[in-house]
Amino acid sequence: MAFVNAEETCRSFDGHLVSISDAFTNGFLMDQASSFLALSSENQYWIGASTIFVPGTWTWTDSTQFGYTNWAKGQPESNISSCGAQNVLSSLWFSSSCSTAKTFMCKVPPASTCQQSTCPTPKQCSPSCPTGWTYYGPTNKCFMKIHNVSFADALNKCETYSGKYNGTLASIHSDDENEFINSIFENSRL
């Protein structure tokens, strides 16, 4: 699918093409894309980077700051209207014609539970997680605790959920997130 059509598809799910803010995210997305494209001849997919919205300047479709980059040598090409793709074998980025058909990856918010108000006000929505999971607002992610299993068993259990919930073992990126995860386990001992 062409870049603009891919972004429109992501927006139809209240999301955007993925933006990549650090090396960890870049590697994580490469791993995810490698899994999904394993049986395909494709080796690149659209990310949300382009110069089409601000000609000559690379921006993300979700308006996040374009700070981190992972361009391949000689990239990006200096075309006025280029779009970014990640190579699933190297995690490096390449600029490409935006009209080229490529697979793409969206970043969408977690599911919300919406309740229609009896007053003529907009729906009140709040993020929700599947039963047994705990929502953490600052990262907009859901966490589930698994007790008394080996690392391999925990990884296997998380991957079992990956088809339905895109689950994986937690990675901790801040002191606050670490405290939150510790609180989940502390509350379960009470």
N, C-alpha and C. Protein backbone atom coordinates (compact mmCIF):
# COMPACT_ATOMS: atom_id res chain seq x y z
N MET A 1 0.84 -1.17 0.00
CA MET A 1 0.00 0.00 0.00
C MET A 1 0.90 1.24 0.00
N ALA A 2 0.52 2.26 -0.73
CA ALA A 2 1.27 3.52 -0.75
C ALA A 2 1.26 4.15 0.64
N PHE A 3 2.25 4.99 0.93
CA PHE A 3 2.43 5.59 2.25
C PHE A 3 1.17 6.31 2.74
N VAL A 4 0.62 7.20 1.93
CA VAL A 4 -0.55 8.00 2.35
C VAL A 4 -1.73 7.09 2.66
N ASN A 5 -1.94 6.06 1.84
CA ASN A 5 -3.03 5.12 2.10
C ASN A 5 -2.79 4.32 3.38
N ALA A 6 -1.52 3.98 3.64
CA ALA A 6 -1.19 3.27 4.87
C ALA A 6 -1.50 4.14 6.09
N GLU A 7 -1.12 5.42 6.03
CA GLU A 7 -1.41 6.35 7.14
C GLU A 7 -2.92 6.50 7.32
N GLU A 8 -3.68 6.59 6.22
CA GLU A 8 -5.14 6.69 6.33
C GLU A 8 -5.72 5.45 6.99
N THR A 9 -5.18 4.29 6.67
CA THR A 9 -5.64 3.05 7.30
C THR A 9 -5.38 3.09 8.80
N CYS A 10 -4.17 3.51 9.19
CA CYS A 10 -3.84 3.62 10.62
C CYS A 10 -4.78 4.61 11.31
N ARG A 11 -5.07 5.73 10.66
CA ARG A 11 -5.98 6.72 11.26
C ARG A 11 -7.38 6.17 11.44
N SER A 12 -7.78 5.25 10.57
CA SER A 12 -9.12 4.66 10.72
C SER A 12 -9.22 3.84 12.00
N PHE A 13 -8.07 3.48 12.59
CA PHE A 13 -8.02 2.77 13.88
C PHE A 13 -7.60 3.72 15.00
N ASP A 14 -7.74 5.04 14.78
CA ASP A 14 -7.35 6.08 15.74
C ASP A 14 -5.85 6.05 16.02
N GLY A 15 -5.05 5.68 15.04
CA GLY A 15 -3.61 5.62 15.22
C GLY A 15 -2.87 6.32 14.10
N HIS A 16 -1.61 5.98 13.97
CA HIS A 16 -0.71 6.51 12.94
C HIS A 16 0.29 5.44 12.58
N LEU A 17 0.98 5.63 11.46
CA LEU A 17 2.13 4.79 11.19
C LEU A 17 3.09 4.95 12.37
N VAL A 18 3.88 3.93 12.65
CA VAL A 18 4.75 3.96 13.83
C VAL A 18 5.77 5.08 13.75
N SER A 19 6.03 5.69 14.90
CA SER A 19 7.14 6.63 15.05
C SER A 19 8.16 5.94 15.94
N ILE A 20 9.43 6.26 15.74
CA ILE A 20 10.50 5.57 16.44
C ILE A 20 11.35 6.60 17.17
N SER A 21 11.34 6.55 18.50
CA SER A 21 11.99 7.58 19.30
C SER A 21 13.33 7.16 19.90
N ASP A 22 13.66 5.86 19.79
CA ASP A 22 14.92 5.40 20.39
C ASP A 22 15.32 4.06 19.79
N ALA A 23 16.55 3.64 20.10
CA ALA A 23 17.10 2.40 19.56
C ALA A 23 16.31 1.17 20.04
N PHE A 24 15.83 1.21 21.28
CA PHE A 24 15.05 0.09 21.80
C PHE A 24 13.79 -0.12 20.96
N THR A 25 13.05 0.95 20.72
CA THR A 25 11.83 0.86 19.92
C THR A 25 12.16 0.41 18.50
N ASN A 26 13.24 0.93 17.94
CA ASN A 26 13.65 0.56 16.59
C ASN A 26 13.90 -0.95 16.51
N GLY A 27 14.63 -1.50 17.48
CA GLY A 27 14.90 -2.93 17.50
C GLY A 27 13.65 -3.75 17.74
N PHE A 28 12.80 -3.28 18.65
CA PHE A 28 11.55 -3.99 18.95
C PHE A 28 10.68 -4.09 17.70
N LEU A 29 10.53 -2.96 16.99
CA LEU A 29 9.70 -2.97 15.79
C LEU A 29 10.29 -3.85 14.70
N MET A 30 11.62 -3.85 14.57
CA MET A 30 12.27 -4.73 13.60
C MET A 30 11.95 -6.18 13.92
N ASP A 31 12.02 -6.56 15.20
CA ASP A 31 11.71 -7.93 15.60
C ASP A 31 10.26 -8.29 15.27
N GLN A 32 9.35 -7.37 15.58
CA GLN A 32 7.93 -7.63 15.29
C GLN A 32 7.71 -7.78 13.79
N ALA A 33 8.26 -6.85 13.02
CA ALA A 33 8.08 -6.90 11.57
C ALA A 33 8.73 -8.15 10.98
N SER A 34 9.88 -8.55 11.50
CA SER A 34 10.55 -9.76 11.00
C SER A 34 9.64 -10.98 11.17
N SER A 35 8.94 -11.05 12.30
CA SER A 35 8.03 -12.17 12.55
C SER A 35 6.88 -12.18 11.55
N PHE A 36 6.30 -11.00 11.31
CA PHE A 36 5.14 -10.93 10.43
C PHE A 36 5.52 -11.08 8.96
N LEU A 37 6.73 -10.68 8.60
CA LEU A 37 7.14 -10.75 7.20
C LEU A 37 8.03 -11.96 6.91
N ALA A 38 8.13 -12.89 7.85
CA ALA A 38 9.04 -14.04 7.71
C ALA A 38 8.76 -14.85 6.45
N LEU A 39 7.52 -15.01 6.10
CA LEU A 39 7.17 -15.84 4.94
C LEU A 39 6.95 -14.99 3.69
N SER A 40 7.31 -13.73 3.76
CA SER A 40 7.10 -12.81 2.65
C SER A 40 8.44 -12.50 1.97
N SER A 41 8.36 -12.06 0.75
CA SER A 41 9.58 -11.62 0.06
C SER A 41 9.91 -10.17 0.37
N GLU A 42 9.03 -9.50 1.10
CA GLU A 42 9.25 -8.10 1.45
C GLU A 42 10.29 -8.00 2.57
N ASN A 43 11.15 -6.98 2.47
CA ASN A 43 12.12 -6.78 3.54
C ASN A 43 12.08 -5.36 4.10
N GLN A 44 11.12 -4.56 3.66
CA GLN A 44 10.93 -3.21 4.21
C GLN A 44 9.44 -2.97 4.44
N TYR A 45 9.16 -2.13 5.43
CA TYR A 45 7.79 -1.73 5.69
C TYR A 45 7.79 -0.24 6.02
N TRP A 46 6.65 0.41 5.77
CA TRP A 46 6.52 1.84 6.04
C TRP A 46 6.55 2.11 7.53
N ILE A 47 7.35 3.12 7.91
CA ILE A 47 7.27 3.73 9.23
C ILE A 47 6.70 5.12 9.01
N GLY A 48 6.39 5.86 10.04
CA GLY A 48 5.70 7.13 9.89
C GLY A 48 6.56 8.32 9.53
N ALA A 49 7.76 8.10 9.01
CA ALA A 49 8.67 9.20 8.66
C ALA A 49 8.44 9.63 7.22
N SER A 50 8.38 10.95 7.00
CA SER A 50 8.26 11.44 5.62
C SER A 50 8.65 12.91 5.53
N THR A 51 8.81 13.35 4.28
CA THR A 51 9.03 14.78 4.00
C THR A 51 7.83 15.36 3.26
N ILE A 52 6.74 14.62 3.18
CA ILE A 52 5.60 15.11 2.37
C ILE A 52 4.76 16.16 3.08
N PHE A 53 4.77 16.19 4.40
CA PHE A 53 3.96 17.16 5.12
C PHE A 53 4.69 18.48 5.30
N VAL A 54 6.02 18.42 5.45
CA VAL A 54 6.87 19.62 5.50
C VAL A 54 8.00 19.35 4.50
N PRO A 55 7.83 19.79 3.25
CA PRO A 55 8.81 19.47 2.21
C PRO A 55 10.25 19.78 2.63
N GLY A 56 11.12 18.78 2.45
CA GLY A 56 12.52 18.93 2.78
C GLY A 56 12.87 18.65 4.23
N THR A 57 11.88 18.44 5.08
CA THR A 57 12.10 18.19 6.51
C THR A 57 11.43 16.87 6.90
N TRP A 58 12.19 16.00 7.55
CA TRP A 58 11.63 14.73 8.00
C TRP A 58 10.80 14.94 9.25
N THR A 59 9.57 14.43 9.23
CA THR A 59 8.66 14.51 10.38
C THR A 59 7.96 13.16 10.54
N TRP A 60 7.39 12.95 11.73
CA TRP A 60 6.58 11.75 11.99
C TRP A 60 5.12 12.10 11.76
N THR A 61 4.34 11.14 11.27
CA THR A 61 2.92 11.38 11.01
C THR A 61 2.14 11.66 12.29
N ASP A 62 2.63 11.20 13.45
CA ASP A 62 1.92 11.45 14.71
C ASP A 62 2.42 12.71 15.41
N SER A 63 3.27 13.48 14.74
CA SER A 63 3.80 14.77 15.23
C SER A 63 4.77 14.65 16.40
N THR A 64 5.24 13.44 16.73
CA THR A 64 6.26 13.35 17.76
C THR A 64 7.56 13.93 17.22
N GLN A 65 8.45 14.33 18.13
CA GLN A 65 9.71 14.96 17.74
C GLN A 65 10.56 13.97 16.94
N PHE A 66 11.14 14.45 15.85
CA PHE A 66 11.99 13.62 15.00
C PHE A 66 13.43 13.78 15.47
N GLY A 67 13.79 13.09 16.56
CA GLY A 67 15.12 13.23 17.15
C GLY A 67 16.00 12.06 16.81
N TYR A 68 15.57 10.84 17.14
CA TYR A 68 16.34 9.63 16.89
C TYR A 68 16.22 9.26 15.40
N THR A 69 17.32 8.83 14.79
CA THR A 69 17.28 8.31 13.42
C THR A 69 18.18 7.08 13.33
N ASN A 70 17.93 6.26 12.32
CA ASN A 70 18.75 5.07 12.08
C ASN A 70 18.88 4.85 10.57
N TRP A 71 19.25 5.92 9.86
CA TRP A 71 19.36 5.86 8.40
C TRP A 71 20.54 4.98 7.97
N ALA A 72 20.35 4.24 6.90
CA ALA A 72 21.43 3.48 6.28
C ALA A 72 22.42 4.47 5.66
N LYS A 73 23.62 4.01 5.39
CA LYS A 73 24.64 4.86 4.78
C LYS A 73 24.11 5.41 3.45
N GLY A 74 24.26 6.71 3.25
CA GLY A 74 23.79 7.36 2.03
C GLY A 74 22.32 7.73 2.06
N GLN A 75 21.67 7.47 3.16
CA GLN A 75 20.24 7.77 3.32
C GLN A 75 20.09 8.91 4.33
N PRO A 76 19.03 9.65 4.33
CA PRO A 76 17.96 9.58 3.34
C PRO A 76 18.37 10.28 2.05
N GLU A 77 17.74 9.85 0.96
CA GLU A 77 17.97 10.52 -0.30
C GLU A 77 17.36 11.91 -0.21
N SER A 78 17.85 12.82 -1.01
CA SER A 78 17.42 14.22 -0.88
C SER A 78 16.20 14.58 -1.71
N ASN A 79 15.31 13.64 -1.93
CA ASN A 79 14.08 13.94 -2.66
C ASN A 79 13.18 14.84 -1.82
N ILE A 80 12.46 15.72 -2.49
CA ILE A 80 11.55 16.62 -1.77
C ILE A 80 10.43 15.84 -1.10
N SER A 81 9.87 14.86 -1.77
CA SER A 81 8.79 14.06 -1.20
C SER A 81 9.22 12.61 -1.07
N SER A 82 9.74 12.27 0.08
CA SER A 82 10.18 10.91 0.36
C SER A 82 9.49 10.40 1.61
N CYS A 83 9.40 9.10 1.69
CA CYS A 83 8.81 8.48 2.87
C CYS A 83 9.79 7.43 3.39
N GLY A 84 9.72 7.16 4.70
CA GLY A 84 10.69 6.28 5.34
C GLY A 84 10.19 4.87 5.51
N ALA A 85 11.11 3.94 5.34
CA ALA A 85 10.82 2.52 5.55
C ALA A 85 11.96 1.92 6.36
N GLN A 86 11.63 0.92 7.18
CA GLN A 86 12.64 0.20 7.94
C GLN A 86 12.90 -1.14 7.27
N ASN A 87 14.18 -1.52 7.18
CA ASN A 87 14.55 -2.82 6.68
C ASN A 87 14.48 -3.81 7.84
N VAL A 88 13.77 -4.92 7.64
CA VAL A 88 13.55 -5.87 8.74
C VAL A 88 14.76 -6.76 9.01
N LEU A 89 15.75 -6.73 8.14
CA LEU A 89 16.95 -7.54 8.36
C LEU A 89 18.02 -6.77 9.11
N SER A 90 18.08 -5.45 8.91
CA SER A 90 19.15 -4.64 9.51
C SER A 90 18.64 -3.60 10.50
N SER A 91 17.37 -3.30 10.51
CA SER A 91 16.71 -2.24 11.28
C SER A 91 17.06 -0.84 10.76
N LEU A 92 17.84 -0.75 9.68
CA LEU A 92 18.20 0.55 9.11
C LEU A 92 17.03 1.12 8.33
N TRP A 93 17.01 2.44 8.22
CA TRP A 93 15.94 3.14 7.52
C TRP A 93 16.39 3.54 6.13
N PHE A 94 15.43 3.55 5.21
CA PHE A 94 15.66 3.94 3.83
C PHE A 94 14.56 4.89 3.39
N SER A 95 14.92 5.90 2.59
CA SER A 95 13.89 6.75 2.00
C SER A 95 13.44 6.09 0.70
N SER A 96 12.17 6.30 0.38
CA SER A 96 11.59 5.63 -0.77
C SER A 96 10.50 6.51 -1.34
N SER A 97 10.15 6.26 -2.59
CA SER A 97 9.03 6.97 -3.18
C SER A 97 7.76 6.63 -2.40
N CYS A 98 7.02 7.64 -2.04
CA CYS A 98 5.82 7.45 -1.21
C CYS A 98 4.73 6.65 -1.92
N SER A 99 4.82 6.55 -3.23
CA SER A 99 3.80 5.82 -3.98
C SER A 99 4.10 4.33 -4.10
N THR A 100 5.28 3.91 -3.62
CA THR A 100 5.64 2.50 -3.65
C THR A 100 4.75 1.72 -2.68
N ALA A 101 4.30 0.56 -3.11
CA ALA A 101 3.47 -0.27 -2.24
C ALA A 101 4.36 -1.03 -1.27
N LYS A 102 4.09 -0.88 0.02
CA LYS A 102 4.83 -1.59 1.07
C LYS A 102 3.86 -2.01 2.17
N THR A 103 4.27 -3.01 2.90
CA THR A 103 3.59 -3.36 4.14
C THR A 103 3.81 -2.20 5.10
N PHE A 104 3.01 -2.09 6.14
CA PHE A 104 3.16 -0.99 7.09
C PHE A 104 2.79 -1.44 8.48
N MET A 105 3.21 -0.65 9.48
CA MET A 105 2.89 -0.95 10.86
C MET A 105 2.27 0.29 11.50
N CYS A 106 1.14 0.09 12.17
CA CYS A 106 0.44 1.18 12.85
C CYS A 106 0.74 1.16 14.34
N LYS A 107 0.65 2.33 14.94
CA LYS A 107 0.70 2.46 16.40
C LYS A 107 -0.68 2.98 16.80
N VAL A 108 -1.41 2.21 17.60
CA VAL A 108 -2.76 2.58 18.00
C VAL A 108 -2.88 2.57 19.52
N PRO A 109 -3.79 3.36 20.07
CA PRO A 109 -3.98 3.34 21.52
C PRO A 109 -4.65 2.04 21.95
N PRO A 110 -4.55 1.68 23.24
CA PRO A 110 -5.24 0.48 23.71
C PRO A 110 -6.74 0.66 23.58
N ALA A 111 -7.44 -0.45 23.63
CA ALA A 111 -8.90 -0.41 23.54
C ALA A 111 -9.47 0.44 24.67
N SER A 112 -10.56 1.10 24.39
CA SER A 112 -11.22 1.93 25.40
C SER A 112 -12.60 1.38 25.69
N THR A 113 -13.01 1.58 26.93
CA THR A 113 -14.39 1.27 27.28
C THR A 113 -15.13 2.59 27.28
N CYS A 114 -16.11 2.69 26.44
CA CYS A 114 -16.86 3.94 26.33
C CYS A 114 -18.28 3.70 26.84
N GLN A 115 -18.72 4.63 27.65
CA GLN A 115 -20.09 4.57 28.15
C GLN A 115 -20.79 5.84 27.71
N GLN A 116 -21.95 5.66 27.07
CA GLN A 116 -22.70 6.81 26.62
C GLN A 116 -23.34 7.48 27.83
N SER A 117 -23.11 8.76 27.96
CA SER A 117 -23.70 9.53 29.06
C SER A 117 -25.18 9.76 28.80
N THR A 118 -25.94 9.90 29.86
CA THR A 118 -27.35 10.21 29.69
C THR A 118 -27.55 11.69 29.38
N CYS A 119 -26.52 12.50 29.61
CA CYS A 119 -26.58 13.91 29.29
C CYS A 119 -26.09 14.10 27.85
N PRO A 120 -26.41 15.22 27.24
CA PRO A 120 -25.97 15.44 25.86
C PRO A 120 -24.50 15.86 25.78
N THR A 121 -23.63 15.12 26.42
CA THR A 121 -22.20 15.40 26.37
C THR A 121 -21.53 14.28 25.58
N PRO A 122 -20.31 14.48 25.14
CA PRO A 122 -19.62 13.42 24.40
C PRO A 122 -19.44 12.18 25.25
N LYS A 123 -19.19 11.06 24.58
CA LYS A 123 -18.92 9.81 25.28
C LYS A 123 -17.72 9.99 26.20
N GLN A 124 -17.77 9.36 27.35
CA GLN A 124 -16.66 9.37 28.30
C GLN A 124 -15.89 8.07 28.10
N CYS A 125 -14.67 8.16 27.60
CA CYS A 125 -13.88 6.97 27.30
C CYS A 125 -12.67 6.90 28.22
N SER A 126 -12.35 5.70 28.61
CA SER A 126 -11.13 5.51 29.40
C SER A 126 -10.45 4.25 28.90
N PRO A 127 -9.13 4.25 28.88
CA PRO A 127 -8.41 3.05 28.43
C PRO A 127 -8.74 1.85 29.31
N SER A 128 -8.74 0.70 28.72
CA SER A 128 -9.00 -0.51 29.50
C SER A 128 -8.05 -1.61 29.04
N CYS A 129 -7.91 -2.60 29.89
CA CYS A 129 -7.06 -3.75 29.60
C CYS A 129 -7.91 -5.00 29.71
N PRO A 130 -7.46 -6.09 29.09
CA PRO A 130 -8.17 -7.35 29.26
C PRO A 130 -8.19 -7.76 30.73
N THR A 131 -9.12 -8.62 31.11
CA THR A 131 -9.22 -9.11 32.48
C THR A 131 -7.90 -9.73 32.91
N GLY A 132 -7.43 -9.35 34.10
CA GLY A 132 -6.18 -9.87 34.64
C GLY A 132 -4.98 -9.00 34.32
N TRP A 133 -5.17 -7.95 33.54
CA TRP A 133 -4.09 -7.03 33.18
C TRP A 133 -4.32 -5.72 33.94
N THR A 134 -3.25 -4.93 34.13
CA THR A 134 -3.33 -3.65 34.82
C THR A 134 -2.83 -2.54 33.90
N TYR A 135 -3.62 -1.49 33.78
CA TYR A 135 -3.28 -0.38 32.89
C TYR A 135 -2.31 0.59 33.57
N TYR A 136 -1.29 1.04 32.82
CA TYR A 136 -0.33 2.04 33.31
C TYR A 136 -0.39 3.24 32.36
N GLY A 137 -1.01 4.33 32.82
CA GLY A 137 -1.28 5.51 32.01
C GLY A 137 -0.08 6.17 31.35
N PRO A 138 1.03 6.41 32.07
CA PRO A 138 2.15 7.12 31.44
C PRO A 138 2.70 6.45 30.18
N THR A 139 2.63 5.12 30.10
CA THR A 139 3.11 4.44 28.89
C THR A 139 1.96 3.98 28.01
N ASN A 140 0.74 4.11 28.50
CA ASN A 140 -0.44 3.69 27.75
C ASN A 140 -0.36 2.20 27.42
N LYS A 141 0.13 1.39 28.39
CA LYS A 141 0.31 -0.04 28.20
C LYS A 141 -0.40 -0.82 29.30
N CYS A 142 -0.65 -2.08 29.01
CA CYS A 142 -1.26 -2.99 29.97
C CYS A 142 -0.22 -4.01 30.42
N PHE A 143 -0.24 -4.35 31.71
CA PHE A 143 0.71 -5.30 32.28
C PHE A 143 -0.06 -6.43 32.96
N MET A 144 0.51 -7.64 32.93
CA MET A 144 -0.08 -8.79 33.61
C MET A 144 1.02 -9.47 34.41
N LYS A 145 0.71 -9.84 35.64
CA LYS A 145 1.70 -10.52 36.47
C LYS A 145 1.56 -12.03 36.28
N ILE A 146 2.72 -12.69 36.26
CA ILE A 146 2.78 -14.15 36.15
C ILE A 146 3.71 -14.60 37.27
N HIS A 147 3.22 -15.50 38.11
CA HIS A 147 3.98 -15.93 39.29
C HIS A 147 4.63 -17.30 39.09
N ASN A 148 5.77 -17.47 39.77
CA ASN A 148 6.41 -18.77 39.97
C ASN A 148 6.63 -19.58 38.70
N VAL A 149 7.19 -18.95 37.68
CA VAL A 149 7.55 -19.66 36.46
C VAL A 149 8.98 -19.28 36.08
N SER A 150 9.60 -20.11 35.30
CA SER A 150 10.96 -19.81 34.82
C SER A 150 10.89 -18.69 33.78
N PHE A 151 12.05 -18.14 33.47
CA PHE A 151 12.12 -17.09 32.45
C PHE A 151 11.54 -17.61 31.14
N ALA A 152 11.96 -18.81 30.72
CA ALA A 152 11.49 -19.39 29.46
C ALA A 152 9.97 -19.58 29.47
N ASP A 153 9.42 -20.07 30.61
CA ASP A 153 7.97 -20.26 30.70
C ASP A 153 7.24 -18.92 30.67
N ALA A 154 7.80 -17.91 31.33
CA ALA A 154 7.18 -16.58 31.31
C ALA A 154 7.17 -16.02 29.90
N LEU A 155 8.30 -16.15 29.21
CA LEU A 155 8.38 -15.67 27.83
C LEU A 155 7.37 -16.41 26.95
N ASN A 156 7.27 -17.71 27.12
CA ASN A 156 6.32 -18.51 26.35
C ASN A 156 4.88 -18.07 26.62
N LYS A 157 4.58 -17.84 27.91
CA LYS A 157 3.22 -17.42 28.27
C LYS A 157 2.90 -16.05 27.65
N CYS A 158 3.87 -15.13 27.70
CA CYS A 158 3.65 -13.81 27.09
C CYS A 158 3.44 -13.93 25.59
N GLU A 159 4.24 -14.78 24.95
CA GLU A 159 4.10 -14.95 23.51
C GLU A 159 2.78 -15.61 23.14
N THR A 160 2.23 -16.41 24.05
CA THR A 160 0.92 -17.01 23.83
C THR A 160 -0.13 -15.90 23.69
N TYR A 161 0.05 -14.82 24.46
CA TYR A 161 -0.87 -13.70 24.38
C TYR A 161 -0.58 -12.78 23.20
N SER A 162 0.60 -12.94 22.58
CA SER A 162 1.00 -11.97 21.56
C SER A 162 0.06 -11.97 20.36
N GLY A 163 -0.53 -13.10 20.02
CA GLY A 163 -1.45 -13.11 18.90
C GLY A 163 -2.68 -12.27 19.16
N LYS A 164 -3.16 -12.30 20.40
CA LYS A 164 -4.39 -11.58 20.72
C LYS A 164 -4.11 -10.19 21.29
N TYR A 165 -3.10 -10.07 22.15
CA TYR A 165 -2.85 -8.81 22.84
C TYR A 165 -1.48 -8.20 22.54
N ASN A 166 -0.70 -8.85 21.68
CA ASN A 166 0.65 -8.38 21.37
C ASN A 166 1.49 -8.29 22.63
N GLY A 167 1.43 -9.34 23.46
CA GLY A 167 2.14 -9.35 24.72
C GLY A 167 3.59 -9.79 24.58
N THR A 168 4.41 -9.31 25.47
CA THR A 168 5.80 -9.72 25.58
C THR A 168 6.24 -9.45 27.01
N LEU A 169 7.42 -9.90 27.38
CA LEU A 169 7.92 -9.59 28.72
C LEU A 169 8.08 -8.08 28.85
N ALA A 170 7.85 -7.57 30.03
CA ALA A 170 7.92 -6.13 30.26
C ALA A 170 9.35 -5.63 30.12
N SER A 171 9.49 -4.45 29.56
CA SER A 171 10.77 -3.75 29.58
C SER A 171 10.53 -2.45 30.34
N ILE A 172 11.42 -2.11 31.22
CA ILE A 172 11.22 -0.98 32.13
C ILE A 172 12.12 0.17 31.70
N HIS A 173 11.52 1.35 31.53
CA HIS A 173 12.24 2.49 30.98
C HIS A 173 12.33 3.68 31.91
N SER A 174 11.81 3.55 33.13
CA SER A 174 11.91 4.68 34.07
C SER A 174 11.73 4.16 35.49
N ASP A 175 12.14 4.98 36.44
CA ASP A 175 11.94 4.63 37.86
C ASP A 175 10.46 4.51 38.18
N ASP A 176 9.64 5.41 37.62
CA ASP A 176 8.20 5.37 37.88
C ASP A 176 7.59 4.06 37.37
N GLU A 177 7.99 3.65 36.17
CA GLU A 177 7.47 2.41 35.62
C GLU A 177 7.92 1.22 36.47
N ASN A 178 9.15 1.24 36.96
CA ASN A 178 9.66 0.19 37.83
C ASN A 178 8.84 0.12 39.12
N GLU A 179 8.55 1.27 39.72
CA GLU A 179 7.74 1.31 40.94
C GLU A 179 6.34 0.77 40.68
N PHE A 180 5.76 1.13 39.52
CA PHE A 180 4.42 0.65 39.17
C PHE A 180 4.41 -0.88 39.09
N ILE A 181 5.38 -1.44 38.38
CA ILE A 181 5.43 -2.90 38.23
C ILE A 181 5.65 -3.58 39.57
N ASN A 182 6.52 -3.02 40.40
CA ASN A 182 6.71 -3.57 41.75
C ASN A 182 5.41 -3.53 42.54
N SER A 183 4.63 -2.46 42.39
CA SER A 183 3.37 -2.35 43.14
C SER A 183 2.37 -3.42 42.72
N ILE A 184 2.39 -3.82 41.47
CA ILE A 184 1.49 -4.89 41.01
C ILE A 184 1.78 -6.17 41.79
N PHE A 185 3.07 -6.50 41.92
CA PHE A 185 3.45 -7.71 42.63
C PHE A 185 3.25 -7.58 44.14
N GLU A 186 3.52 -6.42 44.70
CA GLU A 186 3.32 -6.21 46.14
C GLU A 186 1.84 -6.35 46.50
N ASN A 187 0.96 -5.78 45.66
CA ASN A 187 -0.49 -5.86 45.93
C ASN A 187 -0.98 -7.30 45.85
N SER A 188 -0.34 -8.14 45.05
CA SER A 188 -0.81 -9.52 44.92
C SER A 188 -0.40 -10.36 46.13
N ARG A 189 0.52 -9.88 46.95
CA ARG A 189 0.95 -10.64 48.14
C ARG A 189 0.07 -10.33 49.35
N LEU A 190 -0.74 -9.29 49.26
CA LEU A 190 -1.56 -8.90 50.40
C LEU A 190 -2.67 -9.88 50.67
